[in-house]
Amino acid sequence: MDNNPDLKALALGATGVAALYLLIRNAFSGPKLNAVPVVGPSGSIPSYIGAFRYVFHAKEMFQEGYERYPSAMFRVAVVDRWSVLVSGKQLVEDIANAREEDLSFHQSTNEFLQTRYTLGRGCERDPYHPAVIRTSLTRNVGHRFPDVRDEIVQSFNDLVPVQGEDWLEIPGYDTMLQVICRTSNRFFVGLPLCRDPDYLALMNSVAMDVVVKAQLINFLPAFLRPTLGPLIASLNSNMRRAEKHLTPLVAERLKKMEEAGSKDWPGKPNDLISWLMDSAQGEELTLNALVQRVIFVNFAAIRTSTDTFVHLLFDLAAGPSFVQPLREEVETIVNEEGWTRASVGKMFKIDSFLRESQRMHGIGTQSLGRKIVKPGGFTFADGTTLPTGTYLHATTWSLHHDPELYPDPHVLDPFRFDKLRQAEEVGAAKYQAVTTSLDYLAFGHGVHACPGRHMAVIELKAIIAHIVLNYDIKLPNNEGRPANQYVASACLPHATAKVLFRKRKS
């Protein structure tokens, strides 16, 4: 937290206000979980101390619970409620494979993001977009890869304008945020909008602000959220800016759909707007609703991909010995096959590096967020029944740093998974970055595993391949890797650290 004092002050202030309200209320509301052991203080008043601790030391609390209650469950105080954490393959599998009607991913996510205020009631009411991402978007990654590759090249030319043999210092996070926003939107909405400064500024702002604003709303007493939530979220302002850019595109397509009497017409663009229109029904097939959905997909894609990639960039800059093996792999494949989705898919060392970076510095120290909605509660395979209304997560950071699962778990071994892949030819796909498992939860697992992970992995691999092929990079003054920033359950890359780039020397 020391590298972001504003965020620290905001978290402290908001937590203090929430705690004061809860102290007046004098008890956690929600289901009774007396049978689940507590990590941190328990009881009405002392538990609020645990809630303060959670904001800045959630990772340590999760690790304590993981060690004290192996293959079991424990709970931690999270400001206004209890959160139950599970470990062990069986309990994780129970969560990952549960039906939405029993353990709700959508309710948990909507409450965490306060979706109705931050991203729109339509996105809360009818979450059809994950299916669009899982099917239409994923199917088209190969077809649209030339556009993605072109935007990567152009964005680096614009944002990392190295000259001669001189080193250029850039802000790591801010620069990569712009690269990923441009590249993603080349895929989502195409040229020229993906390079429009105001459109990009809006989508970057949404990507960065939604979670912060959602947590401020979550800190409010429930009765104040309908009044103050819209003021905090600024959704109407975001919509006006987005509509300025997206209305011409969406309105033209709605008109052509109406004229054709069908969702298909000659010359229909192959992009996110079209894919959303193919699946939208009723009031979701309107200009306002489609604009909201484009904003939502941008939020989901840009923030997670940027955080993941900046962790990877810092790992690369701090590990110069990693570069040459990666560079040789990229040169060999590109010289033989060029730049395609298939060729990037064969970059196994790049893939291993990405997967290992996510294992070490995954953007969430917990995952598989669910809310029990089944009447009468949910019973796990071990016979434990938790009541309706309970919030559940898996202890991701602790699992990814378990020495029984990953030897030398606190050492970044960029080719860890490539070596495992080579040693096990049959079933080697399980070591690829897109593959989830009960031991690897960077993209979740089970029925609600990240639907956009196939696009994200290809995009991030293509970016890192472009870097190692064209640039030398290092950290200023040969400093060590910039420290991660832990805020509640998030593991964020350093927000202001600089990285040095120069043209690659032969």
Protein backbone atom coordinates (compact mmCIF):
# COMPACT_ATOMS: atom_id res chain seq x y z
CA MET A 1 0.00 0.00 0.00
CA ASP A 2 2.92 2.40 0.56
CA ASN A 3 3.25 3.03 -3.17
CA ASN A 4 -0.32 4.35 -3.42
CA PRO A 5 -1.10 6.62 -0.44
CA ASP A 6 -4.35 7.90 -1.94
CA LEU A 7 -5.72 4.37 -2.22
CA LYS A 8 -4.55 3.61 1.30
CA ALA A 9 -6.28 6.69 2.70
CA LEU A 10 -9.44 5.88 0.78
CA ALA A 11 -9.48 2.32 2.05
CA LEU A 12 -8.84 3.40 5.63
CA GLY A 13 -11.49 6.10 5.55
CA ALA A 14 -14.15 3.98 3.91
CA THR A 15 -13.44 1.05 6.21
CA GLY A 16 -13.68 3.35 9.22
CA VAL A 17 -17.05 4.71 8.16
CA ALA A 18 -18.36 1.24 7.49
CA ALA A 19 -17.07 -0.07 10.79
CA LEU A 20 -18.71 2.79 12.68
CA TYR A 21 -22.04 1.99 11.06
CA LEU A 22 -21.62 -1.69 11.85
CA LEU A 23 -20.69 -1.00 15.45
CA ILE A 24 -23.88 0.98 15.83
CA ARG A 25 -25.74 -1.95 14.34
CA ASN A 26 -23.68 -4.07 16.77
CA ALA A 27 -23.57 -7.36 14.93
CA PHE A 28 -22.83 -8.96 11.60
CA SER A 29 -26.00 -9.68 9.72
CA GLY A 30 -26.43 -12.72 7.56
CA PRO A 31 -26.29 -16.47 8.09
CA LYS A 32 -24.98 -18.03 11.28
CA LEU A 33 -21.66 -19.77 10.78
CA ASN A 34 -20.70 -20.75 14.31
CA ALA A 35 -19.46 -24.18 13.21
CA VAL A 36 -16.88 -22.68 10.84
CA PRO A 37 -13.59 -21.73 12.55
CA VAL A 38 -12.48 -18.09 12.43
CA VAL A 39 -9.14 -16.66 11.35
CA GLY A 40 -8.77 -13.40 13.22
CA PRO A 41 -10.78 -12.08 16.16
CA SER A 42 -14.32 -13.37 16.62
CA GLY A 43 -17.29 -11.96 18.45
CA SER A 44 -19.38 -8.89 17.63
CA ILE A 45 -16.88 -6.13 18.46
CA PRO A 46 -13.47 -7.86 18.03
CA SER A 47 -14.47 -9.17 14.58
CA TYR A 48 -14.33 -5.60 13.26
CA ILE A 49 -10.62 -5.60 14.06
CA GLY A 50 -10.39 -8.62 11.78
CA ALA A 51 -12.24 -6.68 9.09
CA PHE A 52 -9.65 -3.89 9.29
CA ARG A 53 -6.90 -6.48 9.09
CA TYR A 54 -8.52 -8.02 6.02
CA VAL A 55 -8.25 -4.78 4.05
CA PHE A 56 -4.44 -4.80 4.24
CA HIS A 57 -3.48 -8.36 5.18
CA ALA A 58 -6.01 -10.67 3.54
CA LYS A 59 -3.26 -12.77 1.95
CA GLU A 60 -1.67 -13.47 5.32
CA MET A 61 -5.06 -14.32 6.83
CA PHE A 62 -5.79 -16.74 4.00
CA GLN A 63 -2.39 -18.39 4.42
CA GLU A 64 -2.95 -18.76 8.17
CA GLY A 65 -6.29 -20.45 7.53
CA TYR A 66 -4.83 -22.64 4.78
CA GLU A 67 -2.16 -23.94 7.16
CA ARG A 68 -4.40 -24.31 10.22
CA TYR A 69 -7.33 -25.91 8.41
CA PRO A 70 -5.93 -27.93 5.48
CA SER A 71 -8.53 -29.38 3.09
CA ALA A 72 -11.21 -27.72 5.18
CA MET A 73 -12.89 -24.34 5.54
CA PHE A 74 -12.54 -21.24 7.68
CA ARG A 75 -14.02 -17.76 7.75
CA VAL A 76 -12.72 -14.21 7.86
CA ALA A 77 -14.49 -10.95 8.66
CA VAL A 78 -15.04 -8.74 5.61
CA VAL A 79 -16.35 -5.40 6.95
CA ASP A 80 -20.09 -6.16 6.77
CA ARG A 81 -20.21 -9.96 6.75
CA TRP A 82 -18.29 -13.20 6.99
CA SER A 83 -16.59 -14.84 4.02
CA VAL A 84 -15.94 -18.59 4.06
CA LEU A 85 -12.71 -19.79 2.42
CA VAL A 86 -12.16 -23.39 1.34
CA SER A 87 -9.06 -25.40 0.47
CA GLY A 88 -8.46 -28.94 -0.70
CA LYS A 89 -9.43 -30.42 -4.04
CA GLN A 90 -12.79 -31.82 -2.99
CA LEU A 91 -14.18 -28.61 -1.51
CA VAL A 92 -12.83 -26.56 -4.41
CA GLU A 93 -14.44 -28.98 -6.85
CA ASP A 94 -17.75 -28.75 -4.99
CA ILE A 95 -17.78 -24.99 -5.56
CA ALA A 96 -16.45 -25.06 -9.12
CA ASN A 97 -19.00 -27.57 -10.39
CA ALA A 98 -22.07 -26.43 -8.44
CA ARG A 99 -25.13 -25.27 -10.34
CA GLU A 100 -25.87 -21.55 -10.55
CA GLU A 101 -29.18 -22.33 -8.84
CA ASP A 102 -27.28 -23.60 -5.79
CA LEU A 103 -24.11 -21.46 -5.66
CA SER A 104 -24.58 -18.25 -7.59
CA PHE A 105 -21.61 -16.73 -9.36
CA HIS A 106 -23.76 -13.95 -10.77
CA GLN A 107 -25.26 -12.82 -7.46
CA SER A 108 -21.84 -12.82 -5.83
CA THR A 109 -20.35 -10.83 -8.71
CA ASN A 110 -23.24 -8.38 -8.92
CA GLU A 111 -22.99 -7.61 -5.22
CA PHE A 112 -19.21 -7.24 -5.33
CA LEU A 113 -19.37 -4.93 -8.37
CA GLN A 114 -22.69 -3.31 -7.41
CA THR A 115 -23.50 -3.89 -11.06
CA ARG A 116 -26.84 -2.10 -11.10
CA TYR A 117 -25.12 1.17 -10.21
CA THR A 118 -21.70 0.80 -11.83
CA LEU A 119 -22.50 -1.00 -15.08
CA GLY A 120 -26.28 -0.98 -15.50
CA ARG A 121 -29.37 -2.91 -14.47
CA GLY A 122 -29.51 -4.76 -17.77
CA CYS A 123 -26.09 -6.29 -17.13
CA GLU A 124 -27.28 -7.30 -13.66
CA ARG A 125 -30.61 -8.71 -14.82
CA ASP A 126 -29.55 -10.60 -17.96
CA PRO A 127 -25.88 -11.66 -17.99
CA TYR A 128 -25.92 -13.05 -21.53
CA HIS A 129 -22.53 -11.58 -22.49
CA PRO A 130 -20.34 -14.34 -20.93
CA ALA A 131 -21.87 -16.81 -23.38
CA VAL A 132 -21.11 -14.41 -26.25
CA ILE A 133 -17.50 -14.16 -25.09
CA ARG A 134 -17.21 -17.92 -24.61
CA THR A 135 -18.57 -18.70 -28.10
CA SER A 136 -18.58 -15.97 -30.75
CA LEU A 137 -15.62 -13.99 -29.45
CA THR A 138 -13.44 -17.06 -28.86
CA ARG A 139 -14.31 -18.54 -32.27
CA ASN A 140 -13.17 -15.36 -33.98
CA VAL A 141 -9.80 -14.89 -32.28
CA GLY A 142 -8.04 -16.57 -35.20
CA HIS A 143 -9.94 -14.64 -37.87
CA ARG A 144 -9.28 -11.32 -36.17
CA PHE A 145 -5.69 -12.01 -35.07
CA PRO A 146 -4.15 -9.93 -37.92
CA ASP A 147 -6.01 -6.90 -36.54
CA VAL A 148 -4.80 -7.65 -33.01
CA ARG A 149 -1.22 -8.04 -34.20
CA ASP A 150 -1.39 -4.81 -36.22
CA GLU A 151 -2.67 -2.86 -33.22
CA ILE A 152 0.05 -4.25 -30.96
CA VAL A 153 2.71 -3.03 -33.41
CA GLN A 154 1.12 0.37 -33.89
CA SER A 155 0.45 0.96 -30.20
CA PHE A 156 4.08 0.24 -29.30
CA ASN A 157 5.25 2.55 -32.09
CA ASP A 158 3.06 5.29 -30.63
CA LEU A 159 3.54 4.66 -26.90
CA VAL A 160 7.12 3.34 -26.73
CA PRO A 161 8.91 5.58 -29.27
CA VAL A 162 12.46 4.34 -28.76
CA GLN A 163 15.22 6.02 -30.78
CA GLY A 164 18.63 4.63 -31.69
CA GLU A 165 20.38 2.88 -28.83
CA ASP A 166 19.02 5.16 -26.12
CA TRP A 167 16.97 3.80 -23.24
CA LEU A 168 13.44 5.20 -22.89
CA GLU A 169 11.82 5.22 -19.45
CA ILE A 170 8.07 4.61 -19.46
CA PRO A 171 5.45 4.21 -16.72
CA GLY A 172 4.83 0.47 -16.81
CA TYR A 173 1.21 0.35 -15.75
CA ASP A 174 -0.15 3.38 -17.58
CA THR A 175 1.57 2.46 -20.83
CA MET A 176 0.45 -1.16 -20.84
CA LEU A 177 -3.08 -0.10 -19.91
CA GLN A 178 -3.21 1.93 -23.12
CA VAL A 179 -1.68 -0.87 -25.19
CA ILE A 180 -4.20 -3.40 -23.95
CA CYS A 181 -7.15 -1.02 -24.24
CA ARG A 182 -6.26 -0.27 -27.85
CA THR A 183 -5.56 -3.89 -28.75
CA SER A 184 -8.74 -5.18 -27.12
CA ASN A 185 -10.89 -2.52 -28.75
CA ARG A 186 -9.37 -3.20 -32.17
CA PHE A 187 -10.97 -6.62 -31.64
CA PHE A 188 -14.17 -5.26 -30.06
CA VAL A 189 -15.07 -2.19 -32.16
CA GLY A 190 -12.32 -1.84 -34.78
CA LEU A 191 -10.76 1.16 -36.46
CA PRO A 192 -10.86 4.12 -36.08
CA LEU A 193 -12.67 4.04 -32.73
CA CYS A 194 -10.04 1.86 -31.06
CA ARG A 195 -7.60 4.78 -31.41
CA ASP A 196 -9.94 7.61 -30.45
CA PRO A 197 -8.37 9.40 -27.43
CA ASP A 198 -11.66 10.21 -25.69
CA TYR A 199 -13.10 6.73 -26.20
CA LEU A 200 -9.91 5.14 -24.89
CA ALA A 201 -9.80 7.50 -21.91
CA LEU A 202 -13.38 6.53 -21.05
CA MET A 203 -12.76 2.79 -21.27
CA ASN A 204 -9.53 3.12 -19.28
CA SER A 205 -11.40 5.10 -16.63
CA VAL A 206 -14.19 2.53 -16.43
CA ALA A 207 -11.67 -0.29 -16.16
CA MET A 208 -9.89 1.41 -13.27
CA ASP A 209 -12.82 2.97 -11.42
CA VAL A 210 -15.59 0.36 -11.32
CA VAL A 211 -14.12 -1.79 -8.55
CA VAL A 212 -13.18 1.21 -6.39
CA LYS A 213 -16.60 2.79 -6.76
CA ALA A 214 -18.32 -0.53 -6.16
CA GLN A 215 -16.47 -0.99 -2.89
CA LEU A 216 -17.43 2.51 -1.77
CA ILE A 217 -21.05 1.60 -2.45
CA ASN A 218 -20.62 -1.71 -0.62
CA PHE A 219 -19.37 0.21 2.42
CA LEU A 220 -22.69 2.10 2.54
CA PRO A 221 -25.62 0.86 4.61
CA ALA A 222 -28.06 -0.92 2.29
CA PHE A 223 -30.77 1.73 2.74
CA LEU A 224 -28.43 4.46 1.41
CA ARG A 225 -27.28 2.61 -1.72
CA PRO A 226 -30.26 3.48 -3.97
CA THR A 227 -29.71 7.17 -3.21
CA LEU A 228 -25.92 7.46 -3.10
CA GLY A 229 -24.98 4.56 -5.38
CA PRO A 230 -25.81 6.34 -8.67
CA LEU A 231 -23.96 9.46 -7.52
CA ILE A 232 -20.82 7.50 -6.71
CA ALA A 233 -20.90 5.28 -9.80
CA SER A 234 -21.23 8.03 -12.46
CA LEU A 235 -22.89 5.54 -14.81
CA ASN A 236 -25.02 8.19 -16.51
CA SER A 237 -21.97 10.31 -17.27
CA ASN A 238 -20.10 7.31 -18.64
CA MET A 239 -23.08 6.36 -20.77
CA ARG A 240 -23.30 9.82 -22.32
CA ARG A 241 -19.63 9.71 -23.30
CA ALA A 242 -19.90 6.16 -24.60
CA GLU A 243 -23.05 6.90 -26.59
CA LYS A 244 -21.28 9.79 -28.30
CA HIS A 245 -18.84 7.29 -29.78
CA LEU A 246 -20.91 4.14 -30.12
CA THR A 247 -24.30 5.48 -31.22
CA PRO A 248 -23.35 5.82 -34.91
CA LEU A 249 -22.09 2.23 -35.03
CA VAL A 250 -24.93 0.64 -33.09
CA ALA A 251 -27.72 2.72 -34.61
CA GLU A 252 -26.60 1.92 -38.15
CA ARG A 253 -26.59 -1.80 -37.41
CA LEU A 254 -29.98 -1.72 -35.73
CA LYS A 255 -31.32 0.06 -38.82
CA LYS A 256 -29.82 -2.52 -41.18
CA MET A 257 -31.19 -5.34 -39.04
CA GLU A 258 -34.65 -3.79 -39.23
CA GLU A 259 -34.40 -3.26 -42.99
CA ALA A 260 -33.25 -6.83 -43.56
CA GLY A 261 -35.82 -8.28 -41.18
CA SER A 262 -33.02 -10.44 -39.82
CA LYS A 263 -29.95 -10.28 -37.63
CA ASP A 264 -27.87 -11.15 -40.68
CA TRP A 265 -27.26 -8.83 -43.62
CA PRO A 266 -24.60 -8.44 -46.33
CA GLY A 267 -21.43 -6.77 -45.08
CA LYS A 268 -22.24 -7.26 -41.40
CA PRO A 269 -19.08 -6.44 -39.37
CA ASN A 270 -17.42 -9.27 -37.48
CA ASP A 271 -16.93 -7.63 -34.07
CA LEU A 272 -18.23 -7.50 -30.52
CA ILE A 273 -21.21 -5.27 -31.32
CA SER A 274 -22.45 -7.76 -33.92
CA TRP A 275 -21.90 -10.72 -31.62
CA LEU A 276 -23.85 -9.02 -28.85
CA MET A 277 -26.68 -8.19 -31.24
CA ASP A 278 -26.84 -11.83 -32.34
CA SER A 279 -27.63 -12.91 -28.77
CA ALA A 280 -29.54 -9.94 -27.35
CA GLN A 281 -33.30 -10.27 -26.98
CA GLY A 282 -36.10 -7.81 -26.23
CA GLU A 283 -35.03 -4.65 -24.44
CA GLU A 284 -31.40 -5.77 -24.52
CA LEU A 285 -31.49 -5.29 -28.30
CA THR A 286 -31.62 -1.50 -28.00
CA LEU A 287 -29.01 1.20 -28.43
CA ASN A 288 -28.72 2.03 -24.72
CA ALA A 289 -28.52 -1.60 -23.64
CA LEU A 290 -25.89 -2.52 -26.23
CA VAL A 291 -23.73 0.46 -25.26
CA GLN A 292 -23.92 -0.64 -21.61
CA ARG A 293 -22.83 -4.13 -22.63
CA VAL A 294 -19.81 -2.85 -24.58
CA ILE A 295 -18.77 -0.90 -21.49
CA PHE A 296 -19.14 -4.02 -19.33
CA VAL A 297 -17.03 -6.18 -21.64
CA ASN A 298 -14.34 -3.49 -21.74
CA PHE A 299 -14.26 -3.37 -17.95
CA ALA A 300 -14.00 -7.15 -17.66
CA ALA A 301 -11.29 -7.46 -20.29
CA ILE A 302 -9.07 -4.44 -19.76
CA ARG A 303 -8.58 -4.36 -15.99
CA THR A 304 -7.79 -8.05 -15.58
CA SER A 305 -5.58 -8.26 -18.66
CA THR A 306 -3.65 -5.12 -17.73
CA ASP A 307 -3.00 -6.24 -14.17
CA THR A 308 -1.92 -9.67 -15.40
CA PHE A 309 0.35 -8.28 -18.10
CA VAL A 310 2.07 -5.69 -15.92
CA HIS A 311 2.95 -8.44 -13.44
CA LEU A 312 4.42 -10.34 -16.39
CA LEU A 313 6.29 -7.28 -17.66
CA PHE A 314 7.87 -6.69 -14.25
CA ASP A 315 8.90 -10.36 -14.10
CA LEU A 316 10.55 -10.05 -17.51
CA ALA A 317 12.33 -6.78 -16.69
CA ALA A 318 13.60 -8.24 -13.40
CA GLY A 319 14.77 -11.49 -15.03
CA PRO A 320 17.15 -10.74 -17.92
CA SER A 321 18.15 -14.41 -18.14
CA PHE A 322 14.59 -15.23 -19.24
CA VAL A 323 14.79 -13.13 -22.40
CA GLN A 324 17.06 -15.14 -24.69
CA PRO A 325 15.17 -18.48 -24.51
CA LEU A 326 11.91 -16.61 -25.13
CA ARG A 327 13.44 -14.62 -27.98
CA GLU A 328 14.82 -17.72 -29.67
CA GLU A 329 11.45 -19.44 -29.50
CA VAL A 330 9.62 -16.46 -31.01
CA GLU A 331 12.19 -15.97 -33.78
CA THR A 332 12.09 -19.63 -34.79
CA ILE A 333 8.31 -19.84 -34.94
CA VAL A 334 7.73 -16.47 -36.62
CA ASN A 335 10.41 -17.15 -39.25
CA GLU A 336 8.75 -20.46 -40.09
CA GLU A 337 5.06 -19.59 -39.77
CA GLY A 338 4.63 -15.84 -39.46
CA TRP A 339 2.26 -14.16 -37.02
CA THR A 340 -0.99 -16.13 -36.63
CA ARG A 341 -3.07 -17.37 -33.76
CA ALA A 342 -1.77 -20.86 -34.46
CA SER A 343 1.87 -19.78 -34.41
CA VAL A 344 1.42 -17.87 -31.15
CA GLY A 345 -0.26 -20.97 -29.77
CA LYS A 346 2.97 -22.88 -30.39
CA MET A 347 5.03 -20.48 -28.28
CA PHE A 348 5.16 -22.84 -25.32
CA LYS A 349 7.93 -21.06 -23.42
CA ILE A 350 6.00 -17.77 -23.63
CA ASP A 351 2.91 -19.67 -22.50
CA SER A 352 4.75 -21.22 -19.56
CA PHE A 353 6.11 -17.82 -18.53
CA LEU A 354 2.60 -16.35 -18.51
CA ARG A 355 1.17 -19.25 -16.52
CA GLU A 356 4.01 -19.11 -13.99
CA SER A 357 3.67 -15.35 -13.56
CA GLN A 358 -0.04 -15.83 -12.89
CA ARG A 359 0.76 -18.55 -10.37
CA MET A 360 3.21 -16.31 -8.54
CA HIS A 361 1.35 -13.01 -8.86
CA GLY A 362 -2.24 -13.92 -9.63
CA ILE A 363 -4.43 -10.81 -9.51
CA GLY A 364 -6.70 -12.33 -6.87
CA THR A 365 -5.58 -14.07 -3.68
CA GLN A 366 -8.98 -15.75 -3.66
CA SER A 367 -11.23 -16.96 -6.49
CA LEU A 368 -14.40 -18.92 -7.27
CA GLY A 369 -16.58 -16.31 -5.57
CA ARG A 370 -20.07 -17.69 -4.97
CA LYS A 371 -23.14 -16.99 -2.86
CA ILE A 372 -25.24 -19.85 -1.53
CA VAL A 373 -28.76 -19.34 -2.89
CA LYS A 374 -30.13 -22.87 -2.57
CA PRO A 375 -33.05 -22.95 -0.10
CA GLY A 376 -32.00 -24.84 3.00
CA GLY A 377 -28.30 -24.28 2.33
CA PHE A 378 -25.58 -26.12 0.43
CA THR A 379 -24.03 -29.42 1.50
CA PHE A 380 -20.44 -30.18 0.56
CA ALA A 381 -19.11 -33.64 -0.22
CA ASP A 382 -17.66 -33.92 3.30
CA GLY A 383 -21.14 -33.49 4.79
CA THR A 384 -20.74 -29.87 5.90
CA THR A 385 -23.86 -27.79 5.28
CA LEU A 386 -23.62 -24.01 5.11
CA PRO A 387 -26.74 -21.83 5.21
CA THR A 388 -28.30 -19.84 2.40
CA GLY A 389 -26.72 -16.41 2.03
CA THR A 390 -23.17 -17.57 2.83
CA TYR A 391 -20.37 -16.17 0.66
CA LEU A 392 -17.70 -18.63 -0.50
CA HIS A 393 -14.23 -18.44 -2.06
CA ALA A 394 -11.21 -20.67 -2.67
CA THR A 395 -7.80 -19.77 -1.24
CA THR A 396 -6.03 -19.23 -4.55
CA TRP A 397 -2.75 -17.62 -3.45
CA SER A 398 -2.12 -20.25 -0.80
CA LEU A 399 -2.92 -23.08 -3.19
CA HIS A 400 -0.58 -21.64 -5.84
CA HIS A 401 2.22 -21.40 -3.27
CA ASP A 402 1.78 -24.86 -1.75
CA PRO A 403 5.14 -26.72 -1.91
CA GLU A 404 3.32 -30.05 -2.21
CA LEU A 405 1.82 -28.84 -5.48
CA TYR A 406 4.60 -26.59 -6.78
CA PRO A 407 8.23 -27.28 -5.73
CA ASP A 408 10.03 -24.09 -4.68
CA PRO A 409 6.72 -22.23 -4.86
CA HIS A 410 8.18 -18.82 -4.01
CA VAL A 411 10.70 -18.97 -6.86
CA LEU A 412 9.61 -17.75 -10.28
CA ASP A 413 10.56 -20.53 -12.70
CA PRO A 414 9.47 -19.17 -16.10
CA PHE A 415 9.73 -22.54 -17.82
CA ARG A 416 8.22 -24.63 -15.03
CA PHE A 417 5.18 -25.63 -17.07
CA ASP A 418 7.06 -26.07 -20.34
CA LYS A 419 9.32 -28.61 -18.65
CA LEU A 420 6.27 -30.43 -17.30
CA ARG A 421 4.70 -30.34 -20.76
CA GLN A 422 7.79 -31.86 -22.38
CA ALA A 423 7.99 -34.58 -19.74
CA GLU A 424 4.37 -35.60 -20.25
CA GLU A 425 3.43 -35.69 -23.91
CA VAL A 426 0.02 -37.26 -23.33
CA GLY A 427 -2.30 -34.73 -21.73
CA ALA A 428 0.32 -31.98 -21.93
CA ALA A 429 -2.39 -29.40 -22.68
CA LYS A 430 -3.17 -29.32 -18.97
CA TYR A 431 -0.03 -27.22 -18.47
CA GLN A 432 -1.07 -24.48 -20.90
CA ALA A 433 -2.05 -21.05 -19.64
CA VAL A 434 -5.70 -21.34 -20.72
CA THR A 435 -6.21 -24.61 -18.86
CA THR A 436 -7.78 -24.46 -15.42
CA SER A 437 -7.66 -27.19 -12.79
CA LEU A 438 -8.25 -27.80 -9.10
CA ASP A 439 -4.58 -26.88 -8.57
CA TYR A 440 -4.56 -23.81 -10.82
CA LEU A 441 -7.26 -21.19 -10.39
CA ALA A 442 -5.86 -18.08 -12.07
CA PHE A 443 -8.84 -18.12 -14.46
CA GLY A 444 -11.20 -19.80 -12.02
CA HIS A 445 -12.37 -23.34 -12.76
CA GLY A 446 -15.50 -25.23 -13.62
CA VAL A 447 -18.75 -23.90 -15.03
CA HIS A 448 -17.82 -20.25 -14.50
CA ALA A 449 -14.16 -20.32 -15.54
CA CYS A 450 -13.18 -17.06 -17.25
CA PRO A 451 -14.98 -17.11 -20.61
CA GLY A 452 -12.49 -14.72 -22.24
CA ARG A 453 -9.31 -16.49 -21.25
CA HIS A 454 -8.58 -17.84 -24.75
CA MET A 455 -8.54 -14.35 -26.23
CA ALA A 456 -6.68 -12.93 -23.24
CA VAL A 457 -3.91 -15.53 -23.40
CA ILE A 458 -3.36 -15.07 -27.15
CA GLU A 459 -3.34 -11.28 -26.75
CA LEU A 460 -0.90 -11.29 -23.82
CA LYS A 461 1.39 -13.86 -25.44
CA ALA A 462 1.46 -11.84 -28.65
CA ILE A 463 2.39 -8.70 -26.72
CA ILE A 464 5.21 -10.31 -24.76
CA ALA A 465 6.46 -11.99 -27.95
CA HIS A 466 6.52 -8.58 -29.66
CA ILE A 467 8.52 -7.14 -26.77
CA VAL A 468 11.22 -9.83 -26.63
CA LEU A 469 11.57 -9.79 -30.42
CA ASN A 470 11.97 -6.02 -30.76
CA TYR A 471 13.19 -4.54 -27.48
CA ASP A 472 15.65 -4.84 -24.65
CA ILE A 473 14.07 -3.99 -21.31
CA LYS A 474 15.26 -3.49 -17.76
CA LEU A 475 14.32 -1.80 -14.50
CA PRO A 476 15.81 1.59 -13.53
CA ASN A 477 19.15 1.30 -11.72
CA ASN A 478 18.83 -2.49 -11.91
CA GLU A 479 16.34 -2.37 -9.06
CA GLY A 480 14.53 -5.51 -7.98
CA ARG A 481 11.06 -6.37 -9.18
CA PRO A 482 8.56 -3.68 -8.07
CA ALA A 483 6.64 -4.81 -5.00
CA ASN A 484 3.07 -6.01 -5.38
CA GLN A 485 0.30 -4.03 -3.76
CA TYR A 486 -2.20 -6.06 -1.73
CA VAL A 487 -5.58 -4.46 -1.08
CA ALA A 488 -8.15 -6.80 0.45
CA SER A 489 -8.08 -9.90 -1.79
CA ALA A 490 -6.49 -8.14 -4.79
CA CYS A 491 -2.83 -8.54 -5.78
CA LEU A 492 -2.06 -5.47 -7.86
CA PRO A 493 1.13 -4.66 -9.76
CA HIS A 494 2.99 -1.54 -8.64
CA ALA A 495 1.04 1.40 -10.04
CA THR A 496 3.87 3.86 -10.69
CA ALA A 497 6.99 1.76 -11.32
CA LYS A 498 9.01 2.62 -14.41
CA VAL A 499 10.47 0.27 -17.02
CA LEU A 500 13.26 1.05 -19.49
CA PHE A 501 12.95 0.09 -23.17
CA ARG A 502 15.36 0.39 -26.07
CA LYS A 503 15.57 -1.07 -29.54
CA ARG A 504 16.86 -4.60 -29.39
CA LYS A 505 20.55 -4.96 -30.07
CA SER A 506 21.43 -7.68 -32.58
